[in-house]
Amino acid sequence: MAPNPLPLLQGTLDLLVLRCLSGGARHGYAIASIVREQTGGDLSVEDAALYQSLHRLHRQHLVDAEWGPSENNRRARFYTLTPAGRARLREETANWRRYSRAVDAVLQGA
């Protein structure tokens, strides 16, 4: 695990949340865990920022939300991607990869 998580770049949290939800319904804690685990601790999502993102995505009709029992039988809100959310994920993923290639080109001195 990384000693100190990197700060999230502005605008990346929604993309990460959409990607985590592409595998199926998840609650907030599961989303934060996926981000932390898949980045080896390099990225960590704070609760407040995560729930702001989920509420924003819900208002934009990119995710649906439904209450249900969690793994430990507690009441949790589960989020799923809508068709519009899947389309946004594809679009934002392509944009991120393009952006990443452009930054890498400058760093490589191309």
Protein backbone atom coordinates (compact mmCIF):
# COMPACT_ATOMS: atom_id res chain seq x y z
CA MET A 1 0.00 0.00 0.00
CA ALA A 2 1.23 3.47 -0.86
CA PRO A 3 2.41 5.59 2.09
CA ASN A 4 0.26 8.60 1.14
CA PRO A 5 -2.57 8.44 -1.39
CA LEU A 6 -2.31 10.80 -4.33
CA PRO A 7 -4.85 13.61 -4.55
CA LEU A 8 -7.60 12.96 -7.07
CA LEU A 9 -7.41 15.23 -10.09
CA GLN A 10 -10.49 17.39 -10.49
CA GLY A 11 -13.06 15.67 -12.67
CA THR A 12 -11.74 12.12 -12.23
CA LEU A 13 -13.92 10.94 -9.36
CA ASP A 14 -17.10 10.68 -11.44
CA LEU A 15 -15.22 8.63 -14.04
CA LEU A 16 -13.87 6.29 -11.36
CA VAL A 17 -17.33 5.87 -9.82
CA LEU A 18 -18.91 5.12 -13.20
CA ARG A 19 -16.18 2.55 -13.91
CA CYS A 20 -16.68 0.84 -10.54
CA LEU A 21 -20.41 0.59 -11.21
CA SER A 22 -19.89 -0.94 -14.65
CA GLY A 23 -19.44 -4.31 -12.93
CA GLY A 24 -22.85 -4.19 -11.27
CA ALA A 25 -24.69 -2.67 -8.33
CA ARG A 26 -22.46 -1.38 -5.54
CA HIS A 27 -22.82 0.68 -2.39
CA GLY A 28 -20.51 3.56 -1.51
CA TYR A 29 -18.15 1.62 0.74
CA ALA A 30 -17.64 -1.01 -1.98
CA ILE A 31 -16.84 1.70 -4.55
CA ALA A 32 -14.24 3.29 -2.26
CA SER A 33 -12.75 -0.15 -1.55
CA ILE A 34 -12.45 -0.98 -5.26
CA VAL A 35 -10.64 2.29 -5.99
CA ARG A 36 -8.25 1.78 -3.07
CA GLU A 37 -7.57 -1.89 -3.89
CA GLN A 38 -7.19 -1.51 -7.66
CA THR A 39 -4.73 1.37 -7.25
CA GLY A 40 -2.71 -0.32 -4.53
CA GLY A 41 -3.67 2.52 -2.21
CA ASP A 42 -2.37 5.24 -4.54
CA LEU A 43 -5.89 6.65 -4.75
CA SER A 44 -8.28 6.94 -1.85
CA VAL A 45 -11.78 8.39 -2.01
CA GLU A 46 -13.07 10.41 0.92
CA ASP A 47 -16.63 9.63 1.96
CA ALA A 48 -17.96 13.16 1.51
CA ALA A 49 -16.55 13.48 -2.01
CA LEU A 50 -17.80 10.01 -2.96
CA TYR A 51 -21.37 10.67 -1.87
CA GLN A 52 -21.37 14.09 -3.54
CA SER A 53 -20.30 12.35 -6.74
CA LEU A 54 -22.98 9.65 -6.40
CA HIS A 55 -25.70 12.23 -5.76
CA ARG A 56 -24.50 14.34 -8.70
CA LEU A 57 -24.51 11.30 -11.02
CA HIS A 58 -27.98 10.37 -9.76
CA ARG A 59 -29.31 13.89 -10.47
CA GLN A 60 -27.85 13.61 -13.98
CA HIS A 61 -29.67 10.27 -14.47
CA LEU A 62 -26.38 8.46 -14.99
CA VAL A 63 -26.96 6.13 -12.03
CA ASP A 64 -30.02 4.68 -10.32
CA ALA A 65 -30.16 4.08 -6.58
CA GLU A 66 -32.04 1.52 -4.53
CA TRP A 67 -31.97 0.55 -0.87
CA GLY A 68 -31.03 -3.01 0.05
CA PRO A 69 -29.10 -5.11 2.57
CA SER A 70 -25.30 -4.99 2.46
CA GLU A 71 -22.97 -7.97 2.92
CA ASN A 72 -23.20 -7.56 6.72
CA ASN A 73 -27.01 -7.23 6.54
CA ARG A 74 -27.05 -3.47 7.11
CA ARG A 75 -29.26 -1.17 5.08
CA ALA A 76 -27.26 0.40 2.25
CA ARG A 77 -28.00 2.33 -0.91
CA PHE A 78 -26.89 0.45 -4.01
CA TYR A 79 -26.10 2.31 -7.20
CA THR A 80 -26.28 0.98 -10.77
CA LEU A 81 -25.43 2.50 -14.13
CA THR A 82 -28.23 3.65 -16.40
CA PRO A 83 -27.88 3.38 -20.19
CA ALA A 84 -26.93 7.08 -20.17
CA GLY A 85 -24.31 6.30 -17.52
CA ARG A 86 -22.79 3.56 -19.69
CA ALA A 87 -22.63 5.97 -22.62
CA ARG A 88 -20.99 8.63 -20.44
CA LEU A 89 -18.48 6.08 -19.16
CA ARG A 90 -17.47 5.19 -22.73
CA GLU A 91 -17.16 8.87 -23.67
CA GLU A 92 -15.20 9.89 -20.57
CA THR A 93 -12.91 6.86 -20.81
CA ALA A 94 -12.01 7.80 -24.38
CA ASN A 95 -11.44 11.41 -23.34
CA TRP A 96 -9.24 10.34 -20.40
CA ARG A 97 -7.12 8.06 -22.58
CA ARG A 98 -6.67 10.86 -25.14
CA TYR A 99 -5.72 13.30 -22.37
CA SER A 100 -3.31 10.80 -20.83
CA ARG A 101 -1.60 10.18 -24.20
CA ALA A 102 -1.25 13.93 -24.75
CA VAL A 103 0.32 14.53 -21.34
CA ASP A 104 2.60 11.53 -21.78
CA ALA A 105 3.72 12.87 -25.17
CA VAL A 106 4.83 16.12 -23.54
CA LEU A 107 6.54 14.29 -20.68
CA GLN A 108 8.36 12.06 -23.16
CA GLY A 109 9.47 15.14 -25.11
CA ALA A 110 7.65 14.18 -28.30
